[in-house]
Amino acid sequence: MLKCLLTSLVLLLLTSFCWAASILIPMDEEQTNHLKAYGITFWVLKNDSEADWLLNYRGGSFLMKYSPLIENECKIRGVAYEVIADAKVTSILSEIADPSVNMDIVKLEKAPKIAVYSPKNKLPWDDAVTLALTYAEIPYEVIYDGEILKGVLPKYDWLHLHHEDFTGQYSRFWNAFHNASWYIEDVRLQEESARRNGFKKVSEMKLAVAKNIGDFVMGGGFMFAMCSGTETFDIALSANGVDICETMFDGDGADPGAQSKLDFSRTFAFQNFKLNMNPLSNEFSNIDTTPTRTIDQSNDFFTLFDFSAKWDVVPTMLTQNHDKVIKGFMGKTTAFRKEVIKPDVVLMGETKIANEARYIHGEFGKGQWTFYGGHDPEDYQHIVGDPPTDLSLHPNSPGYRLILNNVLFPAAKKKKQKT
């Protein structure tokens, strides 16, 4: 009797195991928390397991082998999931493999090591990427100029640039905030850091940092930037050795011939742009469309491009979403003027009525980069001193999903380019 009971129990467990073959984390409208779903997938990779990213299947869903630990983690974090049998998995994979459908599968193999380039001192604004990583429970390390100049970048797979001003002009906040205590403190700390690292000017230190980041990407790293971190990075690279800072920023005047001395061959994304040499303006150049935008918030949306999942795998990964029309949002650098974008750059999102790019991607050497315009996808006009966005109020944010697509992107198994 006992033997029969044990046999029945074993058969029941085996049957249950066979039925519960996989966990599907849907990323369409059925998902209760899209942002934490990325954190679950990262957690799976961090624990030496693998996951499949089902491109264009139910909003870019994730598929992984069943484990009660994963199921429990989904429950704890409030992430919707489905336990599916082998037969259902086979059906899904067959549907995706059909040449007539725009879907594909990417194997995610190893959790990338993430660094966020961010100042140690507290500034009166927040960083959307840091908020997203924290909310999704994805671990990261904070590094800044000193660490980068000491050569730490090769330790990491993915680097995010905080809303930094790589030109050494303190984000062009002098006119509005030069008497503010936080601005005075930031200048003091930046100047101390420059001296400590062997530079006479902050602008010279920031250029050296930008070059180190460029070498990191050139060698195979992944770099992501938002807001002014995008525009000023390319400006700094193009102005290599040219003084573009006026007296209030570095103690001496800017080179009056700076514009003609820019070298656009050094930049990642932009070319033939015009510097704004007025130090009282908060604009760096005509890369940013903010000064000429005539769109109000009710009409400010940008559209993600559709890519072939089986052929254009990288931009397909980076545009996975449950919504292809994303709410616009402002920033120090809100969007990119199309006419100054290099021809080999991939446009992934645009504001059609303004003819501007919001989300772009490209390669640099062996590595890749993504630029995302604007400051905070869930705060339309985030200004200095505003409180940080509470992402528990926006767990399904399509705008924030684009950030987290980039975080998982380096985990993807490299596929041979199709010809």
Protein backbone atom coordinates (compact mmCIF):
# COMPACT_ATOMS: atom_id res chain seq x y z
CA MET A 1 0.00 0.00 0.00
CA LEU A 2 2.81 2.41 0.96
CA LYS A 3 4.74 1.46 -2.18
CA CYS A 4 1.71 2.24 -4.37
CA LEU A 5 1.22 5.54 -2.61
CA LEU A 6 4.87 6.54 -3.14
CA THR A 7 4.69 5.50 -6.79
CA SER A 8 1.58 7.60 -7.29
CA LEU A 9 3.24 10.56 -5.61
CA VAL A 10 6.34 10.27 -7.83
CA LEU A 11 4.17 10.03 -10.95
CA LEU A 12 2.19 13.06 -9.84
CA LEU A 13 5.38 15.07 -9.30
CA LEU A 14 6.80 13.98 -12.67
CA THR A 15 3.55 14.85 -14.42
CA SER A 16 3.49 18.24 -12.72
CA PHE A 17 7.13 18.90 -13.68
CA CYS A 18 6.53 17.95 -17.31
CA TRP A 19 3.45 20.15 -17.50
CA ALA A 20 5.12 23.08 -15.81
CA ALA A 21 7.96 23.16 -18.31
CA SER A 22 8.43 26.92 -18.69
CA ILE A 23 7.50 30.32 -17.36
CA LEU A 24 6.31 32.94 -19.82
CA ILE A 25 6.49 36.55 -18.67
CA PRO A 26 4.11 38.37 -21.02
CA MET A 27 5.01 41.94 -21.94
CA ASP A 28 1.75 42.98 -23.58
CA GLU A 29 -1.21 44.64 -21.84
CA GLU A 30 -1.61 41.55 -19.63
CA GLN A 31 1.57 42.43 -17.72
CA THR A 32 0.90 44.01 -14.33
CA ASN A 33 4.41 45.44 -13.91
CA HIS A 34 6.48 45.78 -17.07
CA LEU A 35 9.41 47.46 -15.35
CA LYS A 36 9.88 44.83 -12.65
CA ALA A 37 9.55 42.13 -15.32
CA TYR A 38 12.94 43.25 -16.62
CA GLY A 39 14.28 42.90 -13.09
CA ILE A 40 12.99 39.32 -12.90
CA THR A 41 14.73 38.46 -16.18
CA PHE A 42 17.95 40.10 -14.97
CA TRP A 43 17.65 38.15 -11.69
CA VAL A 44 17.33 34.89 -13.64
CA LEU A 45 20.49 35.70 -15.63
CA LYS A 46 22.30 36.77 -12.46
CA ASN A 47 21.55 33.33 -10.99
CA ASP A 48 23.31 31.57 -13.87
CA SER A 49 20.20 30.65 -15.82
CA GLU A 50 19.20 31.67 -19.32
CA ALA A 51 16.12 33.30 -20.80
CA ASP A 52 14.70 33.80 -24.26
CA TRP A 53 13.56 37.22 -25.41
CA LEU A 54 10.61 36.67 -27.72
CA LEU A 55 10.88 39.67 -30.01
CA ASN A 56 7.52 41.08 -31.10
CA TYR A 57 5.67 38.23 -29.38
CA ARG A 58 3.14 39.75 -26.98
CA GLY A 59 5.11 42.95 -26.57
CA GLY A 60 8.53 41.32 -26.31
CA SER A 61 7.86 38.59 -23.74
CA PHE A 62 10.43 36.55 -21.81
CA LEU A 63 10.53 32.75 -21.69
CA MET A 64 12.54 30.68 -19.21
CA LYS A 65 12.64 27.16 -17.81
CA TYR A 66 10.23 26.62 -14.95
CA SER A 67 11.58 26.96 -11.44
CA PRO A 68 9.56 27.41 -8.26
CA LEU A 69 12.13 30.03 -7.25
CA ILE A 70 11.36 32.10 -10.35
CA GLU A 71 7.64 31.66 -9.84
CA ASN A 72 7.95 32.79 -6.24
CA GLU A 73 10.06 35.80 -7.25
CA CYS A 74 7.38 36.86 -9.76
CA LYS A 75 4.78 36.67 -7.01
CA ILE A 76 6.90 38.71 -4.58
CA ARG A 77 7.60 41.44 -7.15
CA GLY A 78 4.06 41.57 -8.53
CA VAL A 79 5.03 40.47 -12.04
CA ALA A 80 2.42 38.64 -14.14
CA TYR A 81 3.55 35.26 -15.43
CA GLU A 82 2.16 32.11 -17.03
CA VAL A 83 3.28 28.56 -16.35
CA ILE A 84 3.07 26.74 -19.68
CA ALA A 85 3.55 23.16 -20.81
CA ASP A 86 6.00 21.86 -23.40
CA ALA A 87 3.28 21.66 -26.03
CA LYS A 88 2.49 25.37 -25.62
CA VAL A 89 6.19 26.29 -25.75
CA THR A 90 6.56 24.32 -28.98
CA SER A 91 3.56 26.11 -30.43
CA ILE A 92 4.97 29.54 -29.51
CA LEU A 93 8.40 28.76 -30.95
CA SER A 94 6.83 27.44 -34.13
CA GLU A 95 4.76 30.60 -34.50
CA ILE A 96 7.84 32.79 -34.05
CA ALA A 97 9.93 30.74 -36.50
CA ASP A 98 7.38 31.21 -39.29
CA PRO A 99 9.17 33.26 -41.99
CA SER A 100 5.97 35.19 -42.68
CA VAL A 101 5.72 36.73 -39.19
CA ASN A 102 7.86 39.58 -37.85
CA MET A 103 9.15 37.78 -34.76
CA ASP A 104 12.38 36.24 -33.56
CA ILE A 105 14.03 34.74 -30.49
CA VAL A 106 17.15 36.08 -28.82
CA LYS A 107 18.94 34.05 -26.17
CA LEU A 108 19.88 36.05 -23.07
CA GLU A 109 22.88 34.34 -21.51
CA LYS A 110 24.64 36.45 -18.89
CA ALA A 111 23.65 39.43 -16.77
CA PRO A 112 25.73 42.44 -17.85
CA LYS A 113 27.75 44.30 -15.26
CA ILE A 114 26.30 47.80 -15.11
CA ALA A 115 27.91 51.13 -14.29
CA VAL A 116 26.16 54.46 -13.92
CA TYR A 117 28.35 57.52 -14.49
CA SER A 118 27.00 59.92 -11.90
CA PRO A 119 28.39 62.53 -9.47
CA LYS A 120 28.73 61.58 -5.83
CA ASN A 121 27.31 64.91 -4.62
CA LYS A 122 23.55 65.36 -4.53
CA LEU A 123 22.23 67.63 -7.27
CA PRO A 124 18.64 69.00 -7.42
CA TRP A 125 17.45 66.66 -10.15
CA ASP A 126 17.21 62.91 -10.61
CA ASP A 127 18.26 60.45 -13.25
CA ALA A 128 15.64 58.33 -15.02
CA VAL A 129 18.00 55.39 -15.58
CA THR A 130 19.00 55.22 -11.94
CA LEU A 131 15.32 55.38 -10.97
CA ALA A 132 14.50 52.59 -13.44
CA LEU A 133 17.33 50.32 -12.28
CA THR A 134 16.45 50.82 -8.62
CA TYR A 135 12.74 50.19 -9.16
CA ALA A 136 13.36 47.12 -11.33
CA GLU A 137 15.81 45.83 -8.66
CA ILE A 138 18.69 45.60 -11.14
CA PRO A 139 22.09 46.03 -9.43
CA TYR A 140 24.52 48.69 -10.64
CA GLU A 141 27.63 50.52 -9.50
CA VAL A 142 28.13 54.30 -9.48
CA ILE A 143 31.37 55.59 -10.98
CA TYR A 144 32.52 59.09 -11.88
CA ASP A 145 35.46 60.95 -13.37
CA GLY A 146 38.13 59.71 -10.96
CA GLU A 147 37.25 56.05 -11.46
CA ILE A 148 37.05 56.35 -15.24
CA LEU A 149 40.41 58.13 -15.44
CA LYS A 150 41.91 55.30 -13.36
CA GLY A 151 40.75 52.82 -16.03
CA VAL A 152 37.83 50.96 -14.42
CA LEU A 153 35.57 50.86 -17.50
CA PRO A 154 36.79 47.47 -18.86
CA LYS A 155 35.26 45.87 -15.74
CA TYR A 156 31.79 46.73 -17.02
CA ASP A 157 29.59 45.68 -19.94
CA TRP A 158 27.13 48.61 -19.94
CA LEU A 159 27.59 52.25 -19.04
CA HIS A 160 24.95 54.92 -18.56
CA LEU A 161 25.86 58.59 -18.72
CA HIS A 162 24.06 60.67 -16.12
CA HIS A 163 22.78 64.03 -17.41
CA GLU A 164 26.33 65.26 -17.56
CA ASP A 165 27.89 68.25 -19.29
CA PHE A 166 31.04 66.92 -20.92
CA THR A 167 31.94 70.38 -22.23
CA GLY A 168 32.85 71.68 -18.75
CA GLN A 169 30.19 74.42 -18.75
CA TYR A 170 28.25 73.09 -15.73
CA SER A 171 25.15 72.35 -17.79
CA ARG A 172 24.91 76.00 -18.85
CA PHE A 173 23.16 76.76 -15.53
CA TRP A 174 25.35 79.81 -14.77
CA ASN A 175 22.83 82.45 -15.83
CA ALA A 176 19.96 81.06 -13.75
CA PHE A 177 21.72 79.39 -10.82
CA HIS A 178 25.24 80.76 -10.34
CA ASN A 179 24.26 82.07 -6.86
CA ALA A 180 22.57 78.80 -5.81
CA SER A 181 24.41 76.88 -3.11
CA TRP A 182 24.18 73.57 -5.00
CA TYR A 183 25.70 75.17 -8.13
CA ILE A 184 28.57 76.76 -6.17
CA GLU A 185 29.27 73.44 -4.44
CA ASP A 186 29.20 71.51 -7.71
CA VAL A 187 31.71 73.90 -9.30
CA ARG A 188 33.99 73.59 -6.27
CA LEU A 189 33.89 69.79 -6.33
CA GLN A 190 34.44 69.61 -10.09
CA GLU A 191 37.43 71.97 -9.93
CA GLU A 192 38.93 70.00 -7.04
CA SER A 193 38.49 66.79 -9.00
CA ALA A 194 40.19 68.30 -12.06
CA ARG A 195 43.21 69.40 -10.01
CA ARG A 196 43.37 66.06 -8.20
CA ASN A 197 43.42 64.24 -11.53
CA GLY A 198 46.11 66.48 -13.01
CA PHE A 199 44.06 68.90 -15.14
CA LYS A 200 44.09 72.70 -15.14
CA LYS A 201 40.44 72.96 -16.21
CA VAL A 202 37.26 70.98 -15.69
CA SER A 203 36.68 71.03 -19.46
CA GLU A 204 40.02 69.27 -19.99
CA MET A 205 39.11 66.60 -17.46
CA LYS A 206 35.68 66.04 -19.00
CA LEU A 207 37.24 65.67 -22.45
CA ALA A 208 39.63 63.03 -21.11
CA VAL A 209 36.68 61.21 -19.53
CA ALA A 210 34.71 61.37 -22.81
CA LYS A 211 37.71 59.92 -24.68
CA ASN A 212 37.96 57.08 -22.16
CA ILE A 213 34.27 56.35 -22.66
CA GLY A 214 34.81 56.41 -26.42
CA ASP A 215 37.62 53.86 -26.04
CA PHE A 216 35.33 51.71 -23.88
CA VAL A 217 32.71 51.62 -26.64
CA MET A 218 35.34 51.18 -29.34
CA GLY A 219 36.56 48.08 -27.53
CA GLY A 220 33.12 46.47 -27.40
CA GLY A 221 31.26 48.20 -24.58
CA PHE A 222 27.63 49.33 -24.57
CA MET A 223 26.86 52.96 -23.74
CA PHE A 224 23.50 54.61 -23.10
CA ALA A 225 22.87 58.31 -22.57
CA MET A 226 19.88 60.59 -22.07
CA CYS A 227 19.20 64.32 -22.15
CA SER A 228 22.30 66.57 -22.22
CA GLY A 229 24.58 63.57 -21.73
CA THR A 230 23.99 62.81 -25.41
CA GLU A 231 24.60 66.22 -26.94
CA THR A 232 27.51 67.36 -24.76
CA PHE A 233 29.34 64.05 -25.19
CA ASP A 234 29.57 64.54 -28.96
CA ILE A 235 30.33 68.27 -28.62
CA ALA A 236 33.25 67.50 -26.30
CA LEU A 237 34.66 64.90 -28.69
CA SER A 238 34.35 67.24 -31.67
CA ALA A 239 36.02 70.13 -29.79
CA ASN A 240 39.07 68.08 -28.87
CA GLY A 241 41.70 70.64 -27.81
CA VAL A 242 39.50 73.64 -28.71
CA ASP A 243 38.42 76.04 -25.95
CA ILE A 244 34.65 76.47 -26.21
CA CYS A 245 34.15 77.69 -22.61
CA GLU A 246 33.74 81.36 -21.71
CA THR A 247 35.39 83.06 -18.72
CA MET A 248 32.72 82.24 -16.11
CA PHE A 249 33.27 78.53 -16.75
CA ASP A 250 37.06 78.18 -16.98
CA GLY A 251 38.63 81.54 -16.20
CA ASP A 252 39.49 82.59 -19.75
CA GLY A 253 37.66 83.34 -22.97
CA ALA A 254 36.54 80.85 -25.59
CA ASP A 255 38.36 80.48 -28.88
CA PRO A 256 36.53 82.83 -31.30
CA GLY A 257 37.24 80.40 -34.12
CA ALA A 258 35.99 77.33 -32.23
CA GLN A 259 33.18 76.51 -34.66
CA SER A 260 35.52 76.13 -37.64
CA LYS A 261 37.87 73.88 -35.63
CA LEU A 262 35.32 71.20 -34.70
CA ASP A 263 36.21 67.70 -35.89
CA PHE A 264 33.01 65.75 -36.57
CA SER A 265 34.91 62.57 -37.45
CA ARG A 266 35.36 62.01 -33.71
CA THR A 267 31.66 62.06 -32.79
CA PHE A 268 29.23 59.17 -32.32
CA ALA A 269 25.96 60.57 -33.65
CA PHE A 270 26.09 64.18 -34.83
CA GLN A 271 27.85 66.22 -37.49
CA ASN A 272 27.80 69.72 -38.97
CA PHE A 273 26.09 71.17 -35.91
CA LYS A 274 26.50 74.78 -34.79
CA LEU A 275 27.69 75.65 -31.30
CA ASN A 276 25.77 78.17 -29.22
CA MET A 277 28.59 80.43 -28.01
CA ASN A 278 26.36 82.65 -25.86
CA PRO A 279 27.25 81.66 -22.26
CA LEU A 280 24.00 83.15 -20.96
CA SER A 281 21.96 80.70 -23.02
CA ASN A 282 21.19 77.27 -21.59
CA GLU A 283 21.51 75.72 -25.05
CA PHE A 284 24.78 74.08 -26.12
CA SER A 285 24.17 73.80 -29.87
CA ASN A 286 21.54 73.37 -32.54
CA ILE A 287 21.55 69.58 -32.05
CA ASP A 288 18.70 70.06 -29.57
CA THR A 289 15.28 71.04 -30.94
CA THR A 290 13.94 72.51 -27.68
CA PRO A 291 14.20 76.23 -28.64
CA THR A 292 12.26 75.78 -31.89
CA ARG A 293 9.59 73.30 -30.74
CA THR A 294 5.99 74.47 -31.12
CA ILE A 295 4.31 71.33 -29.76
CA ASP A 296 2.26 71.46 -26.58
CA GLN A 297 2.09 68.57 -24.14
CA SER A 298 -1.26 67.30 -25.42
CA ASN A 299 0.25 66.70 -28.88
CA ASP A 300 3.73 65.62 -27.84
CA PHE A 301 4.16 61.97 -28.78
CA PHE A 302 6.86 60.06 -30.58
CA THR A 303 6.49 56.87 -32.59
CA LEU A 304 8.78 53.86 -32.52
CA PHE A 305 9.91 52.52 -35.87
CA ASP A 306 9.10 48.96 -36.92
CA PHE A 307 12.11 46.79 -37.74
CA SER A 308 12.42 43.30 -39.16
CA ALA A 309 12.96 41.04 -36.15
CA LYS A 310 14.65 38.36 -38.22
CA TRP A 311 17.02 40.78 -39.97
CA ASP A 312 17.40 43.93 -37.86
CA VAL A 313 17.70 42.20 -34.51
CA VAL A 314 19.41 44.98 -32.54
CA PRO A 315 16.95 47.83 -33.19
CA THR A 316 14.10 45.34 -32.78
CA MET A 317 15.35 44.50 -29.28
CA LEU A 318 15.74 48.15 -28.38
CA THR A 319 12.19 49.06 -29.49
CA GLN A 320 10.30 46.22 -27.79
CA ASN A 321 7.17 47.65 -26.23
CA HIS A 322 3.47 47.17 -25.62
CA ASP A 323 2.84 50.60 -27.13
CA LYS A 324 4.45 52.05 -30.25
CA VAL A 325 3.33 55.61 -29.54
CA ILE A 326 5.17 57.05 -26.55
CA LYS A 327 4.38 60.20 -24.57
CA GLY A 328 6.95 62.91 -25.23
CA PHE A 329 8.90 64.59 -22.44
CA MET A 330 11.22 67.57 -22.21
CA GLY A 331 14.83 67.88 -21.09
CA LYS A 332 17.98 69.96 -21.37
CA THR A 333 18.29 68.11 -24.67
CA THR A 334 14.75 67.12 -25.63
CA ALA A 335 15.15 65.76 -29.15
CA PHE A 336 17.66 65.68 -31.99
CA ARG A 337 17.53 67.73 -35.16
CA LYS A 338 17.54 65.21 -37.99
CA GLU A 339 19.72 67.24 -40.32
CA VAL A 340 22.73 66.99 -37.97
CA ILE A 341 22.48 63.22 -37.42
CA LYS A 342 25.11 61.13 -39.22
CA PRO A 343 23.74 59.01 -42.09
CA ASP A 344 24.77 55.65 -40.57
CA VAL A 345 22.86 56.29 -37.32
CA VAL A 346 19.67 54.22 -36.87
CA LEU A 347 16.59 56.29 -36.04
CA MET A 348 14.37 54.25 -33.73
CA GLY A 349 11.83 56.84 -32.61
CA GLU A 350 10.65 60.15 -34.05
CA THR A 351 8.18 62.92 -33.36
CA LYS A 352 6.57 63.03 -36.77
CA ILE A 353 4.83 66.39 -36.56
CA ALA A 354 8.10 68.05 -35.52
CA ASN A 355 10.36 65.99 -37.82
CA GLU A 356 12.76 65.30 -34.95
CA ALA A 357 14.49 62.16 -33.68
CA ARG A 358 13.95 61.08 -30.06
CA TYR A 359 15.66 57.69 -29.86
CA ILE A 360 18.74 56.74 -31.92
CA HIS A 361 21.34 54.00 -32.02
CA GLY A 362 24.66 53.28 -33.64
CA GLU A 363 27.92 51.37 -33.63
CA PHE A 364 31.34 52.71 -32.72
CA GLY A 365 34.21 50.32 -33.30
CA LYS A 366 33.27 46.97 -31.74
CA GLY A 367 30.72 48.53 -29.39
CA GLN A 368 27.30 50.13 -29.58
CA TRP A 369 25.55 53.17 -28.14
CA THR A 370 22.03 54.54 -27.73
CA PHE A 371 20.93 58.16 -27.26
CA TYR A 372 17.48 58.93 -25.82
CA GLY A 373 16.28 62.55 -25.78
CA GLY A 374 14.56 64.09 -22.76
CA HIS A 375 14.93 63.87 -18.98
CA ASP A 376 12.16 61.72 -17.46
CA PRO A 377 9.60 59.69 -19.46
CA GLU A 378 6.92 60.17 -16.79
CA ASP A 379 7.53 63.83 -15.91
CA TYR A 380 6.85 66.03 -18.92
CA GLN A 381 8.84 69.09 -17.87
CA HIS A 382 11.05 68.05 -14.99
CA ILE A 383 12.72 71.16 -13.58
CA VAL A 384 15.52 71.75 -11.10
CA GLY A 385 14.29 70.93 -7.60
CA ASP A 386 11.36 68.72 -8.62
CA PRO A 387 10.95 65.51 -6.56
CA PRO A 388 11.94 62.20 -8.18
CA THR A 389 9.31 60.27 -10.11
CA ASP A 390 7.66 57.49 -8.10
CA LEU A 391 7.79 54.57 -10.52
CA SER A 392 5.37 52.54 -8.42
CA LEU A 393 2.79 54.89 -9.95
CA HIS A 394 4.04 54.05 -13.48
CA PRO A 395 4.83 50.30 -13.49
CA ASN A 396 3.77 49.95 -17.13
CA SER A 397 5.55 53.02 -18.53
CA PRO A 398 6.35 52.54 -22.25
CA GLY A 399 8.92 55.35 -22.06
CA TYR A 400 10.81 53.71 -19.22
CA ARG A 401 10.67 50.35 -21.00
CA LEU A 402 12.99 51.75 -23.67
CA ILE A 403 15.62 52.38 -20.99
CA LEU A 404 15.36 48.81 -19.69
CA ASN A 405 15.52 47.34 -23.20
CA ASN A 406 18.99 48.82 -23.36
CA VAL A 407 19.94 47.36 -19.99
CA LEU A 408 19.16 43.81 -21.15
CA PHE A 409 20.58 44.28 -24.63
CA PRO A 410 24.21 43.35 -23.72
CA ALA A 411 22.99 40.01 -22.31
CA ALA A 412 21.94 38.86 -25.78
CA LYS A 413 23.91 36.11 -27.47
CA LYS A 414 25.68 37.56 -30.48
CA LYS A 415 24.08 36.43 -33.72
CA LYS A 416 25.82 36.24 -37.06
CA GLN A 417 24.80 39.08 -39.33
CA LYS A 418 22.41 37.92 -42.01
CA THR A 419 23.29 38.67 -45.59
